[in-house]
Amino acid sequence: QVHVVESGGGLVQPGGSLRLSCAASGGMLSILSMGWYRQTPGKQRELVALITSRGRTEYGDSVKARFTISRDNAKNTMYLQMNSLKPEDTAVYFCKVVADHGVDYLDYWGQGTQVTVSS
């Protein structure tokens, strides 16, 4: 079982910054990729950013040039630096870990952390 824990959400004014963290632990050989997704009521969960074990990154169109994803492989921890935040960035942010168990890959999700951008 892999445990995924997010932290760093909160309330911030438009134009401000926040840094989210996601830490994974438990029984796995390695992590294939880690990603951030967000969801608002009535909408599907959408990709914010992801990073692979080799450092390849991918961003959602709405956050490019404002958000930066990074990863500390030794600590199985991922970070999302969010700058120039907008009210439309308000959502619950979830961390997803794709873990390599040797015979297969499995997805694990955190509980989510609320990000609210409001004046």
Protein backbone atom coordinates (compact mmCIF):
# COMPACT_ATOMS: atom_id res chain seq x y z
CA GLN A 1 0.00 0.00 0.00
CA VAL A 2 1.28 3.46 -0.94
CA HIS A 3 0.35 6.48 1.12
CA VAL A 4 0.06 9.88 -0.53
CA VAL A 5 -0.11 13.05 1.55
CA GLU A 6 -0.58 16.58 0.20
CA SER A 7 0.09 19.81 2.03
CA GLY A 8 0.38 23.52 1.38
CA GLY A 9 -3.11 24.58 0.36
CA GLY A 10 -4.85 27.61 1.73
CA LEU A 11 -6.31 31.03 1.02
CA VAL A 12 -4.36 33.51 -1.10
CA GLN A 13 -5.17 36.78 -2.82
CA PRO A 14 -5.21 37.06 -6.62
CA GLY A 15 -1.68 37.48 -7.92
CA GLY A 16 -0.23 35.68 -4.93
CA SER A 17 1.72 32.44 -4.66
CA LEU A 18 1.42 29.08 -2.95
CA ARG A 19 3.57 25.98 -2.87
CA LEU A 20 2.01 22.56 -2.66
CA SER A 21 3.86 19.44 -1.56
CA CYS A 22 3.08 15.78 -2.07
CA ALA A 23 4.91 12.97 -0.32
CA ALA A 24 4.57 9.29 -1.15
CA SER A 25 5.59 6.39 1.05
CA GLY A 26 4.99 2.68 1.35
CA GLY A 27 5.57 -0.54 -0.52
CA MET A 28 6.69 0.09 -4.08
CA LEU A 29 9.80 -0.41 -6.17
CA SER A 30 9.82 3.11 -7.55
CA ILE A 31 7.59 5.94 -8.73
CA LEU A 32 6.92 6.20 -12.43
CA SER A 33 5.31 9.63 -12.29
CA MET A 34 3.71 12.11 -9.93
CA GLY A 35 1.08 14.62 -10.89
CA TRP A 36 -1.26 17.31 -9.66
CA TYR A 37 -4.90 17.40 -10.65
CA ARG A 38 -7.64 19.75 -9.56
CA GLN A 39 -11.37 19.60 -9.31
CA THR A 40 -14.22 22.03 -8.71
CA PRO A 41 -17.84 21.09 -7.96
CA GLY A 42 -19.67 19.75 -10.97
CA LYS A 43 -16.56 19.49 -13.12
CA GLN A 44 -14.23 16.68 -14.03
CA ARG A 45 -10.84 16.41 -12.45
CA GLU A 46 -8.25 18.03 -14.73
CA LEU A 47 -4.52 17.77 -15.09
CA VAL A 48 -2.53 20.64 -13.65
CA ALA A 49 0.98 19.28 -14.04
CA LEU A 50 2.91 16.04 -13.94
CA ILE A 51 6.52 14.97 -13.77
CA THR A 52 8.04 11.61 -14.62
CA SER A 53 10.93 9.84 -12.93
CA ARG A 54 13.14 11.07 -15.75
CA GLY A 55 12.08 14.67 -15.25
CA ARG A 56 9.75 15.07 -18.19
CA THR A 57 7.03 17.58 -17.35
CA GLU A 58 3.61 18.31 -18.71
CA TYR A 59 1.29 21.22 -17.84
CA GLY A 60 -2.34 22.04 -18.34
CA ASP A 61 -2.85 24.92 -20.77
CA SER A 62 -4.36 27.20 -18.16
CA VAL A 63 -1.33 27.05 -15.83
CA LYS A 64 1.59 27.13 -18.25
CA ALA A 65 4.14 29.85 -17.44
CA ARG A 66 2.58 30.34 -13.99
CA PHE A 67 3.06 26.99 -12.26
CA THR A 68 6.24 24.96 -11.91
CA ILE A 69 6.41 21.31 -10.92
CA SER A 70 9.51 19.75 -9.41
CA ARG A 71 10.44 16.54 -7.71
CA ASP A 72 12.93 15.16 -5.18
CA ASN A 73 13.30 11.52 -6.19
CA ALA A 74 15.33 10.64 -3.10
CA LYS A 75 12.46 11.78 -0.87
CA ASN A 76 9.61 10.63 -3.13
CA THR A 77 8.28 14.15 -2.85
CA MET A 78 6.84 16.47 -5.45
CA TYR A 79 6.25 20.20 -5.34
CA LEU A 80 4.03 22.60 -7.23
CA GLN A 81 5.01 26.25 -7.14
CA MET A 82 1.97 28.32 -8.11
CA ASN A 83 2.52 31.96 -9.00
CA SER A 84 0.24 34.69 -10.32
CA LEU A 85 -2.75 32.86 -8.92
CA LYS A 86 -6.18 33.65 -10.30
CA PRO A 87 -9.65 33.11 -8.82
CA GLU A 88 -10.24 30.42 -11.43
CA ASP A 89 -7.38 28.42 -9.88
CA THR A 90 -9.63 27.84 -6.89
CA ALA A 91 -10.15 24.10 -6.53
CA VAL A 92 -9.27 21.03 -4.54
CA TYR A 93 -5.84 19.89 -5.67
CA PHE A 94 -5.09 16.19 -5.67
CA CYS A 95 -1.77 14.42 -5.95
CA LYS A 96 -1.57 11.24 -8.02
CA VAL A 97 1.31 8.82 -7.80
CA VAL A 98 1.89 6.09 -10.37
CA ALA A 99 3.84 3.43 -8.51
CA ASP A 100 5.89 0.63 -9.99
CA HIS A 101 5.25 -2.65 -8.15
CA GLY A 102 7.34 -4.73 -10.50
CA VAL A 103 4.52 -6.73 -12.03
CA ASP A 104 2.26 -3.76 -12.66
CA TYR A 105 1.75 -0.02 -12.22
CA LEU A 106 -0.92 1.29 -9.87
CA ASP A 107 -2.37 4.74 -9.28
CA TYR A 108 -2.65 6.21 -5.79
CA TRP A 109 -4.41 9.44 -4.88
CA GLY A 110 -4.11 11.74 -1.94
CA GLN A 111 -7.06 13.18 -0.04
CA GLY A 112 -6.71 16.59 -1.67
CA THR A 113 -5.87 20.06 -0.43
CA GLN A 114 -8.05 23.13 -0.90
CA VAL A 115 -6.67 26.14 -2.73
CA THR A 116 -8.79 29.28 -2.63
CA VAL A 117 -7.84 32.40 -4.54
CA SER A 118 -9.94 35.32 -3.40
CA SER A 119 -9.64 38.91 -2.25
